[in-house]
PDB file of N, CA and C in Angstrom:
ATOM      1  N   UNK A   1     -52.109  16.070 123.979  1.00  0.00           N
ATOM      2  CA  UNK A   1     -51.236  16.263 124.206  1.00  0.00           C
ATOM      3  C   UNK A   1     -50.330  16.985 125.744  1.00  0.00           C
ATOM      4  N   UNK A   2     -49.139  16.211 125.980  1.00  0.00           N
ATOM      5  CA  UNK A   2     -48.406  16.338 127.227  1.00  0.00           C
ATOM      6  C   UNK A   2     -47.284  16.834 126.991  1.00  0.00           C
ATOM      7  N   UNK A   3     -47.212  17.977 128.047  1.00  0.00           N
ATOM      8  CA  UNK A   3     -46.047  18.573 127.707  1.00  0.00           C
ATOM      9  C   UNK A   3     -44.618  18.591 128.911  1.00  0.00           C
ATOM     10  N   UNK A   4     -43.435  19.053 128.318  1.00  0.00           N
ATOM     11  CA  UNK A   4     -42.509  18.442 129.335  1.00  0.00           C
ATOM     12  C   UNK A   4     -42.176  19.781 129.605  1.00  0.00           C
ATOM     13  N   UNK A   5     -40.973  20.258 130.592  1.00  0.00           N
ATOM     14  CA  UNK A   5     -40.506  20.957 130.992  1.00  0.00           C
ATOM     15  C   UNK A   5     -39.593  20.402 131.349  1.00  0.00           C
ATOM     16  N   UNK A   6     -37.923  20.205 131.085  1.00  0.00           N
ATOM     17  CA  UNK A   6     -36.994  20.431 132.062  1.00  0.00           C
ATOM     18  C   UNK A   6     -36.030  21.016 132.670  1.00  0.00           C
ATOM     19  N   UNK A   7     -35.781  21.535 133.349  1.00  0.00           N
ATOM     20  CA  UNK A   7     -34.673  22.565 133.812  1.00  0.00           C
ATOM     21  C   UNK A   7     -33.403  21.274 134.473  1.00  0.00           C
ATOM     22  N   UNK A   8     -32.016  22.092 133.560  1.00  0.00           N
ATOM     23  CA  UNK A   8     -31.091  20.783 133.375  1.00  0.00           C
ATOM     24  C   UNK A   8     -29.999  21.876 134.382  1.00  0.00           C
ATOM     25  N   UNK A   9     -29.453  22.003 135.295  1.00  0.00           N
ATOM     26  CA  UNK A   9     -28.422  23.247 135.804  1.00  0.00           C
ATOM     27  C   UNK A   9     -26.497  21.883 135.439  1.00  0.00           C
ATOM     28  N   UNK A  10     -25.572  22.336 134.647  1.00  0.00           N
ATOM     29  CA  UNK A  10     -24.242  22.227 134.108  1.00  0.00           C
ATOM     30  C   UNK A  10     -23.690  22.705 135.447  1.00  0.00           C
ATOM     31  N   UNK A  11     -22.706  21.625 135.659  1.00  0.00           N
ATOM     32  CA  UNK A  11     -21.542  21.880 135.540  1.00  0.00           C
ATOM     33  C   UNK A  11     -20.906  23.233 135.432  1.00  0.00           C
ATOM     34  N   UNK A  12     -19.916  23.928 136.008  1.00  0.00           N
ATOM     35  CA  UNK A  12     -18.641  24.914 135.517  1.00  0.00           C
ATOM     36  C   UNK A  12     -17.924  23.925 134.839  1.00  0.00           C
ATOM     37  N   UNK A  13     -18.090  24.793 133.339  1.00  0.00           N
ATOM     38  CA  UNK A  13     -16.970  24.696 132.104  1.00  0.00           C
ATOM     39  C   UNK A  13     -17.365  23.884 131.905  1.00  0.00           C
ATOM     40  N   UNK A  14     -18.600  22.633 132.016  1.00  0.00           N
ATOM     41  CA  UNK A  14     -18.625  21.436 131.139  1.00  0.00           C
ATOM     42  C   UNK A  14     -19.881  21.883 129.742  1.00  0.00           C
ATOM     43  N   UNK A  15     -20.207  22.605 129.545  1.00  0.00           N
ATOM     44  CA  UNK A  15     -21.525  23.412 128.941  1.00  0.00           C
ATOM     45  C   UNK A  15     -21.154  23.140 127.553  1.00  0.00           C
ATOM     46  N   UNK A  16     -20.292  22.913 127.292  1.00  0.00           N
ATOM     47  CA  UNK A  16     -19.906  23.007 125.714  1.00  0.00           C
ATOM     48  C   UNK A  16     -19.780  20.783 125.740  1.00  0.00           C
ATOM     49  N   UNK A  17     -18.916  20.350 126.710  1.00  0.00           N
ATOM     50  CA  UNK A  17     -19.373  18.799 126.793  1.00  0.00           C
ATOM     51  C   UNK A  17     -20.907  18.596 126.668  1.00  0.00           C
ATOM     52  N   UNK A  18     -22.095  19.260 127.730  1.00  0.00           N
ATOM     53  CA  UNK A  18     -23.192  18.759 128.163  1.00  0.00           C
ATOM     54  C   UNK A  18     -24.156  18.915 126.418  1.00  0.00           C
ATOM     55  N   UNK A  19     -23.846  20.527 126.164  1.00  0.00           N
ATOM     56  CA  UNK A  19     -24.339  20.997 124.610  1.00  0.00           C
ATOM     57  C   UNK A  19     -23.952  19.583 123.077  1.00  0.00           C
ATOM     58  N   UNK A  20     -22.679  19.323 123.247  1.00  0.00           N
ATOM     59  CA  UNK A  20     -22.073  18.598 122.098  1.00  0.00           C
ATOM     60  C   UNK A  20     -23.629  17.059 121.915  1.00  0.00           C
ATOM     61  N   UNK A  21     -23.315  16.318 123.579  1.00  0.00           N
ATOM     62  CA  UNK A  21     -24.562  14.899 123.883  1.00  0.00           C
ATOM     63  C   UNK A  21     -26.246  16.300 123.742  1.00  0.00           C
ATOM     64  N   UNK A  22     -26.391  17.147 124.340  1.00  0.00           N
ATOM     65  CA  UNK A  22     -27.391  17.360 124.630  1.00  0.00           C
ATOM     66  C   UNK A  22     -28.041  17.876 122.764  1.00  0.00           C
ATOM     67  N   UNK A  23     -27.323  17.902 121.676  1.00  0.00           N
ATOM     68  CA  UNK A  23     -27.676  18.164 120.489  1.00  0.00           C
ATOM     69  C   UNK A  23     -28.353  16.368 119.791  1.00  0.00           C
ATOM     70  N   UNK A  24     -27.400  16.134 120.253  1.00  0.00           N
ATOM     71  CA  UNK A  24     -26.872  14.383 119.070  1.00  0.00           C
ATOM     72  C   UNK A  24     -28.427  13.445 120.222  1.00  0.00           C
ATOM     73  N   UNK A  25     -28.607  14.194 121.305  1.00  0.00           N
ATOM     74  CA  UNK A  25     -30.122  13.825 121.492  1.00  0.00           C
ATOM     75  C   UNK A  25     -31.340  13.898 121.704  1.00  0.00           C
ATOM     76  N   UNK A  26     -31.241  15.298 120.968  1.00  0.00           N
ATOM     77  CA  UNK A  26     -32.538  16.311 120.799  1.00  0.00           C
ATOM     78  C   UNK A  26     -32.346  15.883 118.947  1.00  0.00           C
ATOM     79  N   UNK A  27     -31.440  15.858 118.324  1.00  0.00           N
ATOM     80  CA  UNK A  27     -31.982  15.437 117.133  1.00  0.00           C
ATOM     81  C   UNK A  27     -32.009  13.595 116.860  1.00  0.00           C
ATOM     82  N   UNK A  28     -31.698  13.021 117.388  1.00  0.00           N
ATOM     83  CA  UNK A  28     -32.334  11.868 117.652  1.00  0.00           C
ATOM     84  C   UNK A  28     -34.035  11.645 117.821  1.00  0.00           C
ATOM     85  N   UNK A  29     -34.240  12.170 118.824  1.00  0.00           N
ATOM     86  CA  UNK A  29     -35.664  12.221 119.373  1.00  0.00           C
ATOM     87  C   UNK A  29     -36.342  13.062 118.074  1.00  0.00           C
ATOM     88  N   UNK A  30     -36.585  14.054 117.649  1.00  0.00           N
ATOM     89  CA  UNK A  30     -37.075  14.566 116.748  1.00  0.00           C
ATOM     90  C   UNK A  30     -36.696  13.789 115.517  1.00  0.00           C
ATOM     91  N   UNK A  31     -35.765  12.570 114.657  1.00  0.00           N
ATOM     92  CA  UNK A  31     -35.911  11.916 114.025  1.00  0.00           C
ATOM     93  C   UNK A  31     -36.795  10.891 114.150  1.00  0.00           C
ATOM     94  N   UNK A  32     -36.196  10.176 115.249  1.00  0.00           N
ATOM     95  CA  UNK A  32     -37.046   8.536 115.670  1.00  0.00           C
ATOM     96  C   UNK A  32     -38.080   8.404 116.426  1.00  0.00           C
ATOM     97  N   UNK A  33     -38.661   9.925 117.012  1.00  0.00           N
ATOM     98  CA  UNK A  33     -39.968   9.576 117.745  1.00  0.00           C
ATOM     99  C   UNK A  33     -40.788  10.336 116.843  1.00  0.00           C
ATOM    100  N   UNK A  34     -42.093   8.997 115.876  1.00  0.00           N
ATOM    101  CA  UNK A  34     -42.922   9.957 115.549  1.00  0.00           C
ATOM    102  C   UNK A  34     -44.344  10.633 116.180  1.00  0.00           C
ATOM    103  N   UNK A  35     -44.407   9.918 117.339  1.00  0.00           N
ATOM    104  CA  UNK A  35     -45.718  10.551 117.978  1.00  0.00           C
ATOM    105  C   UNK A  35     -44.715  11.660 119.003  1.00  0.00           C
ATOM    106  N   UNK A  36     -43.682  12.381 118.894  1.00  0.00           N
ATOM    107  CA  UNK A  36     -42.987  13.434 119.768  1.00  0.00           C
ATOM    108  C   UNK A  36     -43.577  14.684 118.691  1.00  0.00           C
ATOM    109  N   UNK A  37     -44.032  15.372 119.621  1.00  0.00           N
ATOM    110  CA  UNK A  37     -44.398  16.650 118.630  1.00  0.00           C
ATOM    111  C   UNK A  37     -43.636  17.418 118.264  1.00  0.00           C
ATOM    112  N   UNK A  38     -42.787  17.879 119.427  1.00  0.00           N
ATOM    113  CA  UNK A  38     -41.741  19.066 119.251  1.00  0.00           C
ATOM    114  C   UNK A  38     -40.519  18.440 120.728  1.00  0.00           C
ATOM    115  N   UNK A  39     -39.072  19.065 120.368  1.00  0.00           N
ATOM    116  CA  UNK A  39     -38.239  18.696 121.108  1.00  0.00           C
ATOM    117  C   UNK A  39     -37.137  19.892 121.186  1.00  0.00           C
ATOM    118  N   UNK A  40     -36.928  20.218 122.376  1.00  0.00           N
ATOM    119  CA  UNK A  40     -35.865  21.844 122.104  1.00  0.00           C
ATOM    120  C   UNK A  40     -34.949  21.642 122.940  1.00  0.00           C
ATOM    121  N   UNK A  41     -34.042  22.326 122.868  1.00  0.00           N
ATOM    122  CA  UNK A  41     -33.090  22.766 123.848  1.00  0.00           C
ATOM    123  C   UNK A  41     -33.034  24.206 124.060  1.00  0.00           C
ATOM    124  N   UNK A  42     -33.069  24.803 124.909  1.00  0.00           N
ATOM    125  CA  UNK A  42     -32.628  26.733 125.214  1.00  0.00           C
ATOM    126  C   UNK A  42     -31.626  26.931 125.879  1.00  0.00           C
ATOM    127  N   UNK A  43     -31.254  27.597 126.320  1.00  0.00           N
ATOM    128  CA  UNK A  43     -30.410  28.215 127.133  1.00  0.00           C
ATOM    129  C   UNK A  43     -30.654  29.053 128.026  1.00  0.00           C
ATOM    130  N   UNK A  44     -30.801  29.026 129.148  1.00  0.00           N
ATOM    131  CA  UNK A  44     -31.618  29.862 130.362  1.00  0.00           C
ATOM    132  C   UNK A  44     -30.628  31.055 130.659  1.00  0.00           C
ATOM    133  N   UNK A  45     -29.322  30.306 131.197  1.00  0.00           N
ATOM    134  CA  UNK A  45     -28.057  31.344 131.519  1.00  0.00           C
ATOM    135  C   UNK A  45     -27.004  30.351 131.068  1.00  0.00           C
ATOM    136  N   UNK A  46     -25.956  30.598 131.573  1.00  0.00           N
ATOM    137  CA  UNK A  46     -24.495  30.295 131.568  1.00  0.00           C
ATOM    138  C   UNK A  46     -24.666  29.089 131.856  1.00  0.00           C
ATOM    139  N   UNK A  47     -24.938  28.375 132.976  1.00  0.00           N
ATOM    140  CA  UNK A  47     -24.870  26.773 133.673  1.00  0.00           C
ATOM    141  C   UNK A  47     -26.333  26.456 133.908  1.00  0.00           C
ATOM    142  N   UNK A  48     -27.675  27.169 132.946  1.00  0.00           N
ATOM    143  CA  UNK A  48     -28.675  26.313 133.018  1.00  0.00           C
ATOM    144  C   UNK A  48     -29.302  26.030 131.527  1.00  0.00           C
ATOM    145  N   UNK A  49     -30.119  25.344 131.467  1.00  0.00           N
ATOM    146  CA  UNK A  49     -31.162  24.536 129.830  1.00  0.00           C
ATOM    147  C   UNK A  49     -32.223  23.929 130.297  1.00  0.00           C
ATOM    148  N   UNK A  50     -33.057  24.359 128.908  1.00  0.00           N
ATOM    149  CA  UNK A  50     -34.275  23.984 129.093  1.00  0.00           C
ATOM    150  C   UNK A  50     -34.163  22.993 128.484  1.00  0.00           C
ATOM    151  N   UNK A  51     -35.265  22.023 128.403  1.00  0.00           N
ATOM    152  CA  UNK A  51     -35.728  21.489 127.152  1.00  0.00           C
ATOM    153  C   UNK A  51     -37.159  21.222 127.532  1.00  0.00           C
ATOM    154  N   UNK A  52     -37.988  21.367 126.443  1.00  0.00           N
ATOM    155  CA  UNK A  52     -38.916  21.637 126.034  1.00  0.00           C
ATOM    156  C   UNK A  52     -39.707  20.335 125.573  1.00  0.00           C
ATOM    157  N   UNK A  53     -40.579  20.359 125.382  1.00  0.00           N
ATOM    158  CA  UNK A  53     -41.117  18.675 125.041  1.00  0.00           C
ATOM    159  C   UNK A  53     -42.565  18.348 124.644  1.00  0.00           C
ATOM    160  N   UNK A  54     -42.464  17.908 123.686  1.00  0.00           N
ATOM    161  CA  UNK A  54     -44.659  17.560 123.422  1.00  0.00           C
ATOM    162  C   UNK A  54     -44.684  15.993 123.360  1.00  0.00           C
ATOM    163  N   UNK A  55     -45.526  15.216 123.371  1.00  0.00           N
ATOM    164  CA  UNK A  55     -45.957  14.240 122.730  1.00  0.00           C
ATOM    165  C   UNK A  55     -47.125  14.292 122.372  1.00  0.00           C
ATOM    166  N   UNK A  56     -48.223  12.980 121.779  1.00  0.00           N
ATOM    167  CA  UNK A  56     -48.803  12.945 121.382  1.00  0.00           C
ATOM    168  C   UNK A  56     -50.124  12.464 123.211  1.00  0.00           C
ATOM    169  N   UNK A  57     -49.124  11.883 124.062  1.00  0.00           N
ATOM    170  CA  UNK A  57     -50.068  11.570 124.679  1.00  0.00           C
ATOM    171  C   UNK A  57     -49.128  10.754 126.269  1.00  0.00           C
ATOM    172  N   UNK A  58     -49.639  10.614 126.781  1.00  0.00           N
ATOM    173  CA  UNK A  58     -48.852   9.152 127.943  1.00  0.00           C
ATOM    174  C   UNK A  58     -47.594   8.244 127.386  1.00  0.00           C
ATOM    175  N   UNK A  59     -48.429   7.726 126.456  1.00  0.00           N
ATOM    176  CA  UNK A  59     -47.415   6.578 126.224  1.00  0.00           C
ATOM    177  C   UNK A  59     -46.391   7.110 125.352  1.00  0.00           C
ATOM    178  N   UNK A  60     -47.233   7.755 124.706  1.00  0.00           N
ATOM    179  CA  UNK A  60     -44.956   8.296 123.886  1.00  0.00           C
ATOM    180  C   UNK A  60     -44.400   9.048 124.754  1.00  0.00           C
ATOM    181  N   UNK A  61     -44.906   9.156 125.845  1.00  0.00           N
ATOM    182  CA  UNK A  61     -44.008   9.676 126.683  1.00  0.00           C
ATOM    183  C   UNK A  61     -43.215   8.645 127.426  1.00  0.00           C
ATOM    184  N   UNK A  62     -43.562   7.547 127.936  1.00  0.00           N
ATOM    185  CA  UNK A  62     -43.446   6.803 128.532  1.00  0.00           C
ATOM    186  C   UNK A  62     -41.628   6.078 127.047  1.00  0.00           C
ATOM    187  N   UNK A  63     -42.975   5.798 125.689  1.00  0.00           N
ATOM    188  CA  UNK A  63     -41.298   5.040 125.061  1.00  0.00           C
ATOM    189  C   UNK A  63     -40.595   6.281 124.605  1.00  0.00           C
ATOM    190  N   UNK A  64     -40.718   7.144 124.863  1.00  0.00           N
ATOM    191  CA  UNK A  64     -39.349   7.527 124.533  1.00  0.00           C
ATOM    192  C   UNK A  64     -38.341   8.008 125.852  1.00  0.00           C
ATOM    193  N   UNK A  65     -38.869   7.817 127.380  1.00  0.00           N
ATOM    194  CA  UNK A  65     -38.228   7.450 128.083  1.00  0.00           C
ATOM    195  C   UNK A  65     -37.532   6.025 128.206  1.00  0.00           C
ATOM    196  N   UNK A  66     -37.995   5.266 127.256  1.00  0.00           N
ATOM    197  CA  UNK A  66     -37.068   3.890 126.970  1.00  0.00           C
ATOM    198  C   UNK A  66     -36.124   3.530 125.464  1.00  0.00           C
ATOM    199  N   UNK A  67     -36.277   4.507 124.936  1.00  0.00           N
ATOM    200  CA  UNK A  67     -35.482   4.212 123.476  1.00  0.00           C
ATOM    201  C   UNK A  67     -34.071   4.232 123.912  1.00  0.00           C
ATOM    202  N   UNK A  68     -33.049   3.933 123.124  1.00  0.00           N
ATOM    203  CA  UNK A  68     -31.635   3.488 123.436  1.00  0.00           C
ATOM    204  C   UNK A  68     -30.474   4.450 123.598  1.00  0.00           C
ATOM    205  N   UNK A  69     -31.764   5.726 123.010  1.00  0.00           N
ATOM    206  CA  UNK A  69     -30.118   6.742 122.543  1.00  0.00           C
ATOM    207  C   UNK A  69     -30.833   7.963 124.024  1.00  0.00           C
ATOM    208  N   UNK A  70     -31.622   7.640 124.237  1.00  0.00           N
ATOM    209  CA  UNK A  70     -32.307   8.244 125.500  1.00  0.00           C
ATOM    210  C   UNK A  70     -31.433   7.526 127.082  1.00  0.00           C
ATOM    211  N   UNK A  71     -31.319   6.751 126.687  1.00  0.00           N
ATOM    212  CA  UNK A  71     -30.525   6.045 127.810  1.00  0.00           C
ATOM    213  C   UNK A  71     -29.239   6.586 127.530  1.00  0.00           C
ATOM    214  N   UNK A  72     -29.067   6.259 126.403  1.00  0.00           N
ATOM    215  CA  UNK A  72     -26.977   6.481 126.057  1.00  0.00           C
ATOM    216  C   UNK A  72     -26.779   7.598 126.114  1.00  0.00           C
ATOM    217  N   UNK A  73     -27.563   8.749 125.628  1.00  0.00           N
ATOM    218  CA  UNK A  73     -27.250  10.262 126.188  1.00  0.00           C
ATOM    219  C   UNK A  73     -26.993  10.815 127.409  1.00  0.00           C
ATOM    220  N   UNK A  74     -28.341  10.183 128.120  1.00  0.00           N
ATOM    221  CA  UNK A  74     -29.342  10.647 129.289  1.00  0.00           C
ATOM    222  C   UNK A  74     -27.659   9.869 130.317  1.00  0.00           C
ATOM    223  N   UNK A  75     -27.101   9.181 129.959  1.00  0.00           N
ATOM    224  CA  UNK A  75     -25.974   8.498 130.851  1.00  0.00           C
ATOM    225  C   UNK A  75     -24.573   9.330 130.818  1.00  0.00           C
ATOM    226  N   UNK A  76     -24.523   9.611 129.008  1.00  0.00           N
ATOM    227  CA  UNK A  76     -23.218  10.197 129.024  1.00  0.00           C
ATOM    228  C   UNK A  76     -23.341  12.033 129.743  1.00  0.00           C
ATOM    229  N   UNK A  77     -24.896  11.916 129.698  1.00  0.00           N
ATOM    230  CA  UNK A  77     -24.804  13.792 129.866  1.00  0.00           C
ATOM    231  C   UNK A  77     -24.375  13.653 131.987  1.00  0.00           C
ATOM    232  N   UNK A  78     -25.160  12.517 132.755  1.00  0.00           N
ATOM    233  CA  UNK A  78     -25.056  13.208 133.498  1.00  0.00           C
ATOM    234  C   UNK A  78     -23.601  13.393 134.408  1.00  0.00           C
ATOM    235  N   UNK A  79     -22.896  13.161 134.041  1.00  0.00           N
ATOM    236  CA  UNK A  79     -21.494  13.864 134.158  1.00  0.00           C
ATOM    237  C   UNK A  79     -21.282  15.253 134.261  1.00  0.00           C
ATOM    238  N   UNK A  80     -22.028  15.676 134.142  1.00  0.00           N
ATOM    239  CA  UNK A  80     -21.559  17.051 133.527  1.00  0.00           C
ATOM    240  C   UNK A  80     -22.839  17.736 134.273  1.00  0.00           C
ATOM    241  N   UNK A  81     -23.588  16.705 135.185  1.00  0.00           N
ATOM    242  CA  UNK A  81     -24.744  17.670 135.548  1.00  0.00           C
ATOM    243  C   UNK A  81     -25.044  18.043 136.995  1.00  0.00           C
ATOM    244  N   UNK A  82     -25.457  19.277 137.245  1.00  0.00           N
ATOM    245  CA  UNK A  82     -25.121  19.871 138.443  1.00  0.00           C
ATOM    246  C   UNK A  82     -26.723  19.188 139.412  1.00  0.00           C
ATOM    247  N   UNK A  83     -26.361  18.562 139.858  1.00  0.00           N
ATOM    248  CA  UNK A  83     -27.979  18.023 140.670  1.00  0.00           C
ATOM    249  C   UNK A  83     -28.527  17.249 140.015  1.00  0.00           C
ATOM    250  N   UNK A  84     -30.129  17.516 140.153  1.00  0.00           N
ATOM    251  CA  UNK A  84     -30.891  16.058 139.502  1.00  0.00           C
ATOM    252  C   UNK A  84     -31.539  17.444 138.164  1.00  0.00           C
ATOM    253  N   UNK A  85     -31.865  17.237 137.428  1.00  0.00           N
ATOM    254  CA  UNK A  85     -33.153  17.803 136.584  1.00  0.00           C
ATOM    255  C   UNK A  85     -34.201  17.673 137.355  1.00  0.00           C
ATOM    256  N   UNK A  86     -34.850  19.112 137.160  1.00  0.00           N
ATOM    257  CA  UNK A  86     -36.094  19.398 137.614  1.00  0.00           C
ATOM    258  C   UNK A  86     -36.927  19.036 136.145  1.00  0.00           C
ATOM    259  N   UNK A  87     -38.132  18.351 136.524  1.00  0.00           N
ATOM    260  CA  UNK A  87     -39.079  17.930 135.148  1.00  0.00           C
ATOM    261  C   UNK A  87     -40.245  18.654 135.582  1.00  0.00           C
ATOM    262  N   UNK A  88     -41.085  19.285 134.786  1.00  0.00           N
ATOM    263  CA  UNK A  88     -42.466  19.425 134.766  1.00  0.00           C
ATOM    264  C   UNK A  88     -43.391  18.300 133.736  1.00  0.00           C
ATOM    265  N   UNK A  89     -44.208  17.481 133.914  1.00  0.00           N
ATOM    266  CA  UNK A  89     -45.295  17.000 133.487  1.00  0.00           C
ATOM    267  C   UNK A  89     -46.434  17.513 133.062  1.00  0.00           C
ATOM    268  N   UNK A  90     -47.352  18.226 132.041  1.00  0.00           N
ATOM    269  CA  UNK A  90     -47.789  19.081 132.191  1.00  0.00           C
ATOM    270  C   UNK A  90     -49.235  17.982 130.931  1.00  0.00           C
ATOM    271  N   UNK A  91     -50.283  17.977 131.217  1.00  0.00           N
ATOM    272  CA  UNK A  91     -51.545  17.446 130.292  1.00  0.00           C
ATOM    273  C   UNK A  91     -51.682  19.264 129.815  1.00  0.00           C
ATOM    274  N   UNK A  92     -52.082  19.159 128.265  1.00  0.00           N
ATOM    275  CA  UNK A  92     -52.541  20.206 127.825  1.00  0.00           C
ATOM    276  C   UNK A  92     -53.901  20.523 127.508  1.00  0.00           C
ATOM    277  N   UNK A  93     -53.898  21.630 127.285  1.00  0.00           N
ATOM    278  CA  UNK A  93     -56.023  21.893 128.409  1.00  0.00           C
ATOM    279  C   UNK A  93     -56.397  22.742 126.655  1.00  0.00           C
ATOM    280  N   UNK A  94     -55.200  23.583 126.105  1.00  0.00           N
ATOM    281  CA  UNK A  94     -55.895  24.439 125.277  1.00  0.00           C
ATOM    282  C   UNK A  94     -54.652  24.918 124.624  1.00  0.00           C
ATOM    283  N   UNK A  95     -54.554  25.134 123.206  1.00  0.00           N
ATOM    284  CA  UNK A  95     -55.761  24.216 122.270  1.00  0.00           C
ATOM    285  C   UNK A  95     -55.471  22.676 122.033  1.00  0.00           C
ATOM    286  N   UNK A  96     -56.824  22.202 121.808  1.00  0.00           N
ATOM    287  CA  UNK A  96     -57.094  20.680 122.199  1.00  0.00           C
ATOM    288  C   UNK A  96     -57.050  20.512 120.521  1.00  0.00           C
ATOM    289  N   UNK A  97     -56.627  19.852 119.391  1.00  0.00           N
ATOM    290  CA  UNK A  97     -56.918  19.487 118.350  1.00  0.00           C
ATOM    291  C   UNK A  97     -57.367  17.659 117.703  1.00  0.00           C
TER     292      UNK A  97
END
């Protein structure tokens, strides 16, 4: 499995707009991507959000980034971001089933 943690900082007073679009992306990924094991949105603090992701393999992650909804919602969220998201991609060590 491939795990991803994306840390996203949002501009002041843009949290609601960001959340509305981010929720649409989360829903689309969970419905449409068979090889996505989980895709969750968390709020760490007033302006910092975390998306935790799990994929069957690297190919599934690559397919995720090429979907029309990823591009659509990613572009829509961009205007609300305060800097570039920090993305960490990891290979799972345990448990492997």
